[in-house]
């Protein structure tokens, strides 16, 4: 393969045109689905440009660079990945045509190819300067006056009456987005569900962008995929769903409120940590030394059990009945917790524990000897919930109604691929709204600027040879 710095403009154009041909099949409201089959036999069906492009196995370095730029663009904006490729291909095609027709330049270069490369770089510089200096003003004067202003109140308004036109426009904005991602059948239902989700997570006295950023950052912990059901079964449920099951029996109790503590480490001290080596020897002196070690091991085990009993007693004194752990606890911890009628949930993800700590207003415990009232969360309930074939832990928070109404999003789909596609569409819609709600001065013409920047990088690699 030729080095990138010696590629001709037509080679760059050919590479981008291949990507263009792939995304054209699914472009627009009436675009089709693209089916990928992995080596494992697993199928992926998608209309998302980012998912389609990142699923390709690309060997060409230019193609990989373009797809990586598309991925970063989509991560920020949630939309425009296919338009990104189409716009980039169109600009490259235009530059190639104009560079081939440019007169009176060949006499200053050694070859026609060198002249075309120099002309292409000059045109790319001019386009980049136009995008950075003039495009924002052009959009503000020629495009913005013909658009509709959709505010945060419009998106989260409860009224669905025809008289409330701005809310209607907000619904149409989301419906058109989901139409291009998932088809027209359920786009209205999903757009209504998205508005309802944002309405619940609307933090009082916070900027709209802060709420949208919070939902986007915590989306992995805020949604639960459920297989085997149509998307119309998707819904919101109160509180937070922790995607683990109880490690100890959950006692049926009606006492409220429920108190919980989050642990980031082990409740019982371990004799050996990762990387430690225990040596066992033979012989007289070694046997005497090993006897002392054995005695010290027994003493340590007894001390560890007594310490654990003290920790459990302290938790009982604080009225704690739910232990949420980031790691897998020992059998002794589970046994003593069950005797004390405490529920234990192990191996909870970092994202879910972070969300729980934020909503409960508590601090996770790193040292089990330092458990204080500030580490104890107050819950309305903590109980198992069955979603599809999986059982999870369902918690609701106490005294949060005035600030926010936490809820979890249940996303249903016939199979894993469809459910994953629905979840990606939900999060991309949040990113799209986040980009839309920001002031224009903070995110001007991002789609065009990304394309112009990539265009400049591509054309900048052309050689004079």
Protein backbone atom coordinates (compact mmCIF):
# COMPACT_ATOMS: atom_id res chain seq x y z
CA UNK A 1 0.00 0.00 0.00
CA UNK A 2 1.25 3.47 -0.85
CA UNK A 3 2.04 5.78 2.09
CA UNK A 4 -0.80 8.19 2.87
CA UNK A 5 1.30 11.26 2.09
CA UNK A 6 1.67 10.18 -1.56
CA UNK A 7 -2.00 9.47 -2.31
CA UNK A 8 -3.57 11.31 -5.19
CA UNK A 9 -6.77 13.30 -4.75
CA UNK A 10 -8.70 10.79 -6.84
CA UNK A 11 -7.61 7.99 -4.48
CA UNK A 12 -8.90 9.98 -1.50
CA UNK A 13 -12.16 10.62 -3.36
CA UNK A 14 -12.53 6.94 -4.22
CA UNK A 15 -12.09 5.95 -0.56
CA UNK A 16 -14.72 8.41 0.68
CA UNK A 17 -17.08 7.47 -2.16
CA UNK A 18 -17.02 3.84 -0.98
CA UNK A 19 -18.20 4.98 2.46
CA UNK A 20 -20.77 7.21 0.76
CA UNK A 21 -22.19 4.24 -1.15
CA UNK A 22 -22.60 2.31 2.12
CA UNK A 23 -24.54 5.01 4.00
CA UNK A 24 -26.64 6.08 0.99
CA UNK A 25 -28.73 2.93 1.37
CA UNK A 26 -30.07 4.09 4.71
CA UNK A 27 -30.15 7.87 4.16
CA UNK A 28 -33.31 9.87 4.68
CA UNK A 29 -36.71 9.11 6.22
CA UNK A 30 -37.36 6.34 3.71
CA UNK A 31 -33.87 4.83 3.93
CA UNK A 32 -33.58 1.11 4.43
CA UNK A 33 -32.04 -0.98 7.16
CA UNK A 34 -28.50 -2.35 6.76
CA UNK A 35 -27.94 -5.94 7.88
CA UNK A 36 -24.53 -7.06 9.17
CA UNK A 37 -23.68 -10.65 10.07
CA UNK A 38 -20.71 -11.22 12.37
CA UNK A 39 -18.42 -14.25 12.32
CA UNK A 40 -20.27 -15.57 15.36
CA UNK A 41 -23.51 -15.61 13.40
CA UNK A 42 -24.95 -12.69 15.34
CA UNK A 43 -26.89 -10.27 13.14
CA UNK A 44 -27.00 -6.48 13.50
CA UNK A 45 -29.79 -4.47 11.85
CA UNK A 46 -29.40 -0.71 11.91
CA UNK A 47 -30.14 2.59 10.18
CA UNK A 48 -27.69 4.56 12.30
CA UNK A 49 -24.83 5.89 10.22
CA UNK A 50 -22.37 5.67 13.09
CA UNK A 51 -23.24 2.06 13.89
CA UNK A 52 -23.06 1.11 10.21
CA UNK A 53 -19.68 2.76 9.63
CA UNK A 54 -18.08 1.51 12.85
CA UNK A 55 -19.23 -2.04 12.05
CA UNK A 56 -17.14 -2.06 8.85
CA UNK A 57 -13.78 -3.81 8.91
CA UNK A 58 -11.61 -1.17 7.30
CA UNK A 59 -7.96 -1.63 6.42
CA UNK A 60 -7.37 1.63 4.56
CA UNK A 61 -5.90 4.23 6.99
CA UNK A 62 -7.79 7.12 5.36
CA UNK A 63 -11.09 5.28 5.68
CA UNK A 64 -10.38 4.51 9.34
CA UNK A 65 -9.53 8.15 10.02
CA UNK A 66 -12.75 9.37 8.41
CA UNK A 67 -14.87 6.86 10.36
CA UNK A 68 -13.16 7.86 13.61
CA UNK A 69 -13.96 11.53 12.92
CA UNK A 70 -17.58 10.56 12.20
CA UNK A 71 -17.73 8.65 15.49
CA UNK A 72 -16.41 11.62 17.47
CA UNK A 73 -18.82 13.96 15.71
CA UNK A 74 -21.78 11.70 16.48
CA UNK A 75 -20.70 11.33 20.12
CA UNK A 76 -21.00 15.10 20.53
CA UNK A 77 -24.08 15.84 18.41
CA UNK A 78 -25.95 12.51 18.33
CA UNK A 79 -26.81 13.05 14.68
CA UNK A 80 -25.44 13.80 11.23
CA UNK A 81 -23.06 10.89 10.64
CA UNK A 82 -24.49 10.04 7.22
CA UNK A 83 -24.74 13.72 6.24
CA UNK A 84 -21.12 14.07 7.35
CA UNK A 85 -19.99 11.45 4.80
CA UNK A 86 -22.26 12.76 2.02
CA UNK A 87 -21.12 16.35 2.52
CA UNK A 88 -17.45 15.33 2.65
CA UNK A 89 -17.78 13.28 -0.55
CA UNK A 90 -19.57 16.15 -2.29
CA UNK A 91 -16.89 18.66 -1.29
CA UNK A 92 -14.07 16.35 -2.41
CA UNK A 93 -15.86 15.70 -5.68
CA UNK A 94 -16.26 19.44 -6.28
CA UNK A 95 -12.59 20.15 -5.46
CA UNK A 96 -11.43 17.36 -7.76
CA UNK A 97 -13.54 18.68 -10.63
CA UNK A 98 -12.36 22.28 -10.17
CA UNK A 99 -8.72 21.28 -9.73
CA UNK A 100 -8.79 19.36 -13.03
CA UNK A 101 -10.31 22.34 -14.86
CA UNK A 102 -8.11 25.05 -13.33
CA UNK A 103 -6.27 26.78 -16.27
CA UNK A 104 -2.81 28.31 -16.47
CA UNK A 105 -1.18 26.48 -13.54
CA UNK A 106 0.68 23.61 -15.16
CA UNK A 107 3.67 25.70 -16.28
CA UNK A 108 4.73 26.43 -12.65
CA UNK A 109 4.87 22.74 -11.62
CA UNK A 110 6.72 19.68 -12.84
CA UNK A 111 3.58 17.75 -13.68
CA UNK A 112 -0.16 18.06 -14.05
CA UNK A 113 -0.67 15.94 -10.91
CA UNK A 114 1.41 18.38 -8.86
CA UNK A 115 -0.59 21.30 -10.21
CA UNK A 116 -3.90 19.60 -9.38
CA UNK A 117 -2.71 18.82 -5.84
CA UNK A 118 -1.66 22.43 -5.25
CA UNK A 119 -4.98 23.72 -6.58
CA UNK A 120 -6.88 21.26 -4.40
CA UNK A 121 -5.03 22.45 -1.29
CA UNK A 122 -5.77 26.07 -2.15
CA UNK A 123 -9.47 25.32 -2.58
CA UNK A 124 -9.54 23.41 0.70
CA UNK A 125 -7.91 26.39 2.46
CA UNK A 126 -10.55 28.71 1.03
CA UNK A 127 -13.41 26.42 2.07
CA UNK A 128 -12.01 26.07 5.58
CA UNK A 129 -11.62 29.86 5.88
CA UNK A 130 -15.21 30.28 4.67
CA UNK A 131 -16.49 27.80 7.27
CA UNK A 132 -14.57 29.48 10.10
CA UNK A 133 -15.23 33.12 9.20
CA UNK A 134 -18.41 33.48 7.16
CA UNK A 135 -20.61 30.39 7.47
CA UNK A 136 -22.02 31.28 10.91
CA UNK A 137 -23.17 34.69 9.72
CA UNK A 138 -24.67 33.17 6.58
CA UNK A 139 -26.69 30.65 8.62
CA UNK A 140 -27.81 33.34 11.07
CA UNK A 141 -29.10 35.57 8.26
CA UNK A 142 -30.39 33.10 5.68
CA UNK A 143 -31.43 30.03 7.72
CA UNK A 144 -32.31 30.89 11.33
CA UNK A 145 -35.17 33.33 10.50
CA UNK A 146 -37.01 30.49 8.74
CA UNK A 147 -36.68 28.07 11.65
CA UNK A 148 -38.84 27.49 14.71
CA UNK A 149 -37.64 28.18 18.25
CA UNK A 150 -38.15 25.13 20.46
CA UNK A 151 -37.36 25.77 24.12
CA UNK A 152 -36.78 23.43 27.04
CA UNK A 153 -40.28 24.22 28.35
CA UNK A 154 -41.72 23.05 25.05
CA UNK A 155 -39.95 19.69 25.29
CA UNK A 156 -40.92 19.01 28.91
CA UNK A 157 -44.44 20.52 28.80
CA UNK A 158 -47.24 18.24 29.95
CA UNK A 159 -49.87 19.74 27.66
CA UNK A 160 -50.42 17.78 24.47
CA UNK A 161 -53.33 19.86 23.15
CA UNK A 162 -53.21 21.18 19.56
CA UNK A 163 -53.39 24.72 20.90
CA UNK A 164 -49.99 24.30 22.48
CA UNK A 165 -48.17 24.59 19.17
CA UNK A 166 -44.62 24.82 20.52
CA UNK A 167 -45.03 21.52 22.33
CA UNK A 168 -46.35 20.10 19.08
CA UNK A 169 -43.22 21.31 17.28
CA UNK A 170 -41.00 19.73 19.94
CA UNK A 171 -42.80 16.43 19.45
CA UNK A 172 -42.36 16.72 15.69
CA UNK A 173 -38.65 17.41 16.11
CA UNK A 174 -38.15 14.19 18.06
CA UNK A 175 -40.58 12.22 15.88
CA UNK A 176 -38.68 13.16 12.72
CA UNK A 177 -35.41 12.14 14.39
CA UNK A 178 -36.76 8.72 15.40
CA UNK A 179 -38.36 8.33 11.96
CA UNK A 180 -34.93 8.32 10.34
CA UNK A 181 -33.50 5.95 12.98
CA UNK A 182 -36.25 3.44 13.68
CA UNK A 183 -38.95 3.94 11.04
CA UNK A 184 -42.32 5.67 11.11
CA UNK A 185 -44.33 3.02 12.97
CA UNK A 186 -43.33 3.89 16.53
CA UNK A 187 -41.68 7.31 16.15
CA UNK A 188 -44.55 9.19 17.86
CA UNK A 189 -44.64 6.74 20.77
CA UNK A 190 -40.86 6.95 21.31
CA UNK A 191 -40.79 10.76 21.06
CA UNK A 192 -43.53 10.99 23.71
CA UNK A 193 -41.61 8.57 25.93
CA UNK A 194 -38.44 10.66 25.53
CA UNK A 195 -40.26 13.85 26.53
CA UNK A 196 -41.75 12.07 29.55
CA UNK A 197 -38.28 10.85 30.58
CA UNK A 198 -36.86 14.37 30.39
CA UNK A 199 -39.86 15.73 32.28
CA UNK A 200 -39.12 13.41 35.19
CA UNK A 201 -35.42 14.26 35.21
CA UNK A 202 -35.93 18.02 35.05
CA UNK A 203 -33.89 19.35 37.97
CA UNK A 204 -35.37 22.48 39.46
CA UNK A 205 -33.28 25.64 39.22
CA UNK A 206 -30.85 23.95 36.80
CA UNK A 207 -30.12 24.89 33.21
CA UNK A 208 -31.70 22.65 30.53
CA UNK A 209 -28.26 21.73 29.23
CA UNK A 210 -27.29 20.52 32.72
CA UNK A 211 -30.28 18.17 32.86
CA UNK A 212 -29.65 16.85 29.35
CA UNK A 213 -25.97 16.38 30.12
CA UNK A 214 -26.84 14.48 33.30
CA UNK A 215 -29.21 12.13 31.44
CA UNK A 216 -26.65 11.60 28.67
CA UNK A 217 -23.78 10.89 31.08
CA UNK A 218 -25.85 8.47 33.19
CA UNK A 219 -27.81 6.84 30.36
CA UNK A 220 -26.15 3.39 30.80
CA UNK A 221 -27.43 3.32 34.39
CA UNK A 222 -30.79 4.89 33.54
CA UNK A 223 -32.04 2.34 31.00
CA UNK A 224 -32.71 -1.39 31.09
CA UNK A 225 -32.92 -3.45 27.86
CA UNK A 226 -35.61 -6.14 27.84
CA UNK A 227 -35.64 -8.75 25.07
CA UNK A 228 -38.60 -10.59 23.61
CA UNK A 229 -41.16 -7.76 23.68
CA UNK A 230 -42.20 -5.14 21.08
CA UNK A 231 -40.90 -1.61 21.50
CA UNK A 232 -44.43 -0.47 22.32
CA UNK A 233 -43.98 -2.20 25.71
CA UNK A 234 -41.20 0.26 26.64
CA UNK A 235 -42.08 2.37 29.67
CA UNK A 236 -40.81 4.38 32.62
CA UNK A 237 -40.70 3.01 36.15
CA UNK A 238 -40.19 4.93 39.36
CA UNK A 239 -36.76 5.09 40.97
CA UNK A 240 -33.56 3.30 39.91
CA UNK A 241 -33.07 -0.21 38.61
CA UNK A 242 -29.78 -1.76 39.72
CA UNK A 243 -28.80 -4.45 37.23
CA UNK A 244 -27.86 -7.08 39.79
CA UNK A 245 -29.85 -9.55 41.90
CA UNK A 246 -29.83 -10.00 45.68
CA UNK A 247 -26.97 -12.18 46.93
CA UNK A 248 -28.89 -12.90 50.16
CA UNK A 249 -32.62 -13.50 50.59
CA UNK A 250 -34.65 -10.33 50.51
CA UNK A 251 -36.85 -10.32 53.61
CA UNK A 252 -40.46 -9.36 53.00
CA UNK A 253 -40.95 -6.38 55.26
CA UNK A 254 -43.30 -3.42 55.24
CA UNK A 255 -41.13 -1.21 57.40
CA UNK A 256 -40.41 2.14 55.83
CA UNK A 257 -38.17 3.90 55.15
CA UNK A 258 -35.39 1.48 54.17
CA UNK A 259 -31.78 2.40 54.95
CA UNK A 260 -28.88 1.42 52.68
CA UNK A 261 -25.10 1.83 52.58
CA UNK A 262 -22.76 1.68 49.58
CA UNK A 263 -19.42 -0.10 49.99
CA UNK A 264 -16.58 0.23 47.50
CA UNK A 265 -14.39 -2.44 49.12
CA UNK A 266 -14.52 -5.59 51.24
CA UNK A 267 -16.26 -5.71 54.61
CA UNK A 268 -14.00 -8.53 55.82
CA UNK A 269 -10.24 -8.10 55.84
CA UNK A 270 -8.36 -10.57 53.63
CA UNK A 271 -5.19 -12.38 54.71
CA UNK A 272 -3.72 -12.34 51.21
CA UNK A 273 -4.19 -9.62 48.66
CA UNK A 274 -3.59 -9.86 44.94
CA UNK A 275 0.11 -10.40 44.24
CA UNK A 276 1.02 -11.75 47.68
CA UNK A 277 2.80 -15.13 47.91
CA UNK A 278 2.41 -17.62 50.77
CA UNK A 279 5.50 -19.85 51.16
CA UNK A 280 5.22 -23.32 52.73
CA UNK A 281 8.52 -25.06 53.69
CA UNK A 282 9.80 -28.28 55.33
CA UNK A 283 12.40 -29.13 57.95
CA UNK A 284 12.87 -28.47 61.66
CA UNK A 285 13.29 -24.72 61.78
CA UNK A 286 10.99 -24.25 58.85
CA UNK A 287 8.31 -26.40 60.50
CA UNK A 288 8.62 -24.32 63.68
CA UNK A 289 8.34 -21.14 61.61
CA UNK A 290 5.38 -22.56 59.74
CA UNK A 291 3.74 -23.46 63.05
CA UNK A 292 4.02 -19.84 64.12
CA UNK A 293 2.67 -18.70 60.76
CA UNK A 294 -0.20 -21.16 61.06
CA UNK A 295 -0.96 -19.80 64.51
CA UNK A 296 -0.83 -16.24 63.22
CA UNK A 297 -3.14 -17.18 60.35
CA UNK A 298 -5.65 -18.66 62.78
CA UNK A 299 -5.39 -15.59 64.99
CA UNK A 300 -5.88 -13.33 61.98
CA UNK A 301 -8.95 -15.30 60.87
CA UNK A 302 -10.46 -15.05 64.35
CA UNK A 303 -9.72 -11.32 64.49
CA UNK A 304 -11.21 -10.87 61.03
CA UNK A 305 -14.44 -12.62 62.05
CA UNK A 306 -14.73 -10.54 65.22
CA UNK A 307 -14.14 -7.37 63.23
CA UNK A 308 -16.82 -8.34 60.75
CA UNK A 309 -19.26 -8.97 63.59
CA UNK A 310 -18.53 -5.49 64.92
CA UNK A 311 -19.16 -3.97 61.48
CA UNK A 312 -22.50 -5.80 61.15
CA UNK A 313 -23.46 -4.73 64.68
CA UNK A 314 -22.66 -1.11 63.81
CA UNK A 315 -24.83 -1.35 60.71
CA UNK A 316 -27.67 -2.76 62.78
CA UNK A 317 -27.30 0.11 65.24
CA UNK A 318 -27.70 2.56 62.33
CA UNK A 319 -30.81 0.70 61.15
CA UNK A 320 -29.22 -0.39 57.84
CA UNK A 321 -30.98 -3.24 56.05
CA UNK A 322 -29.49 -3.02 52.52
CA UNK A 323 -25.78 -3.34 51.62
CA UNK A 324 -24.76 -2.30 48.09
CA UNK A 325 -21.27 -3.47 47.16
CA UNK A 326 -18.98 -2.76 44.22
CA UNK A 327 -17.09 -6.04 44.83
CA UNK A 328 -17.97 -9.63 45.63
CA UNK A 329 -18.08 -10.14 49.39
CA UNK A 330 -16.93 -13.25 51.26
CA UNK A 331 -19.21 -16.08 52.32
CA UNK A 332 -18.84 -14.95 55.95
CA UNK A 333 -20.23 -11.51 55.08
CA UNK A 334 -23.22 -13.03 53.30
CA UNK A 335 -23.87 -15.43 56.19
CA UNK A 336 -23.76 -12.76 58.92
CA UNK A 337 -25.81 -10.35 56.79
CA UNK A 338 -28.49 -13.00 56.27
CA UNK A 339 -28.58 -13.71 60.01
CA UNK A 340 -29.03 -9.97 60.62
CA UNK A 341 -31.80 -9.87 57.96
CA UNK A 342 -29.77 -7.57 55.70
CA UNK A 343 -29.96 -7.67 51.91
CA UNK A 344 -26.64 -7.74 50.05
CA UNK A 345 -26.24 -6.75 46.40
CA UNK A 346 -22.77 -7.45 44.97
CA UNK A 347 -20.69 -6.42 41.95
CA UNK A 348 -22.68 -3.30 41.13
CA UNK A 349 -21.21 -1.25 38.29
CA UNK A 350 -19.43 2.01 38.96
CA UNK A 351 -21.97 3.97 36.91
CA UNK A 352 -24.92 2.63 38.90
CA UNK A 353 -23.26 3.25 42.27
CA UNK A 354 -22.35 6.77 41.19
CA UNK A 355 -25.95 7.48 40.19
CA UNK A 356 -27.25 5.98 43.44
CA UNK A 357 -24.87 8.11 45.52
CA UNK A 358 -25.86 11.25 43.59
CA UNK A 359 -29.59 10.70 44.02
CA UNK A 360 -29.40 9.60 47.64
CA UNK A 361 -26.98 12.38 48.59
CA UNK A 362 -24.69 9.97 50.43
CA UNK A 363 -20.99 9.11 50.30
CA UNK A 364 -19.85 5.54 49.54
CA UNK A 365 -17.91 3.80 52.31
CA UNK A 366 -14.30 2.90 51.56
CA UNK A 367 -13.34 2.02 55.17
CA UNK A 368 -15.87 -0.23 56.89
CA UNK A 369 -14.66 1.04 60.28
CA UNK A 370 -15.75 4.58 59.38
CA UNK A 371 -19.51 4.22 58.78
CA UNK A 372 -21.37 7.36 59.79
CA UNK A 373 -24.94 8.64 59.32
CA UNK A 374 -23.79 10.62 56.25
CA UNK A 375 -23.08 7.27 54.56
CA UNK A 376 -26.61 5.98 55.12
CA UNK A 377 -29.15 6.46 52.34
CA UNK A 378 -32.89 6.58 53.02
CA UNK A 379 -35.03 4.70 50.49
CA UNK A 380 -38.77 4.46 50.06
CA UNK A 381 -38.41 0.78 49.16
CA UNK A 382 -35.88 -1.81 47.99
CA UNK A 383 -37.35 -4.89 46.33
CA UNK A 384 -36.78 -7.30 43.45
CA UNK A 385 -38.26 -6.53 40.04
CA UNK A 386 -38.63 -8.96 37.13
CA UNK A 387 -37.94 -7.43 33.70
CA UNK A 388 -38.09 -10.00 30.95
CA UNK A 389 -36.19 -13.07 32.11
CA UNK A 390 -33.92 -11.17 34.50
CA UNK A 391 -34.49 -10.19 38.11
CA UNK A 392 -32.99 -6.91 39.27
CA UNK A 393 -33.00 -4.69 42.35
CA UNK A 394 -35.51 -1.85 42.32
CA UNK A 395 -35.06 1.12 44.68
CA UNK A 396 -36.90 4.40 45.14
CA UNK A 397 -35.54 7.45 46.89
CA UNK A 398 -37.04 9.28 49.83
CA UNK A 399 -37.90 13.01 49.82
CA UNK A 400 -36.78 13.80 46.25
CA UNK A 401 -40.14 14.90 44.85
CA UNK A 402 -39.38 18.59 45.31
CA UNK A 403 -36.08 18.48 43.41
CA UNK A 404 -36.46 15.73 40.79
CA UNK A 405 -38.56 12.63 40.09
CA UNK A 406 -36.08 9.81 39.37
CA UNK A 407 -37.20 7.13 36.94
CA UNK A 408 -35.67 4.35 34.86
CA UNK A 409 -36.32 3.70 31.19
CA UNK A 410 -37.25 0.17 30.15
CA UNK A 411 -36.42 -0.33 26.45
CA UNK A 412 -38.01 -3.36 24.81
CA UNK A 413 -37.18 -5.08 21.54
CA UNK A 414 -37.70 -8.45 19.83
CA UNK A 415 -33.98 -9.28 19.95
CA UNK A 416 -30.65 -8.05 21.24
CA UNK A 417 -29.79 -6.17 18.06
CA UNK A 418 -33.11 -4.31 17.88
CA UNK A 419 -33.06 -3.46 21.58
CA UNK A 420 -29.52 -2.12 21.30
CA UNK A 421 -30.57 -0.07 18.27
CA UNK A 422 -33.49 1.43 20.19
CA UNK A 423 -31.23 2.31 23.13
CA UNK A 424 -28.69 4.01 20.85
CA UNK A 425 -31.49 6.00 19.20
CA UNK A 426 -32.72 7.19 22.61
CA UNK A 427 -29.27 8.37 23.67
CA UNK A 428 -28.56 10.01 20.31
CA UNK A 429 -31.85 11.91 20.64
CA UNK A 430 -30.68 13.21 24.04
CA UNK A 431 -27.38 14.31 22.47
CA UNK A 432 -29.23 15.98 19.62
CA UNK A 433 -31.41 17.93 22.07
CA UNK A 434 -28.32 18.85 24.09
CA UNK A 435 -26.71 20.30 20.98
CA UNK A 436 -29.96 22.06 20.02
CA UNK A 437 -30.49 23.66 23.44
CA UNK A 438 -27.02 25.15 23.62
CA UNK A 439 -26.59 28.73 22.41
CA UNK A 440 -25.55 29.04 18.78
CA UNK A 441 -22.28 30.76 19.71
CA UNK A 442 -21.13 27.64 21.54
CA UNK A 443 -21.72 25.12 18.78
CA UNK A 444 -21.84 26.85 15.41
CA UNK A 445 -22.19 24.69 12.31
CA UNK A 446 -20.48 21.73 13.94
CA UNK A 447 -21.41 19.30 11.18
CA UNK A 448 -19.99 21.51 8.44
CA UNK A 449 -16.90 22.40 10.45
CA UNK A 450 -16.06 18.77 11.13
CA UNK A 451 -16.42 17.96 7.44
CA UNK A 452 -14.28 20.95 6.47
CA UNK A 453 -11.59 19.98 8.97
CA UNK A 454 -11.46 16.38 7.72
CA UNK A 455 -11.45 17.65 4.16
CA UNK A 456 -8.45 19.82 4.94
CA UNK A 457 -6.63 16.88 6.55
CA UNK A 458 -7.30 14.66 3.54
CA UNK A 459 -6.34 17.18 0.89
CA UNK A 460 -3.34 18.25 2.95
CA UNK A 461 -1.77 14.80 2.42
CA UNK A 462 -1.63 15.21 -1.36
CA UNK A 463 1.85 15.29 -2.82
CA UNK A 464 3.50 17.27 -5.61
CA UNK A 465 4.88 14.08 -7.14
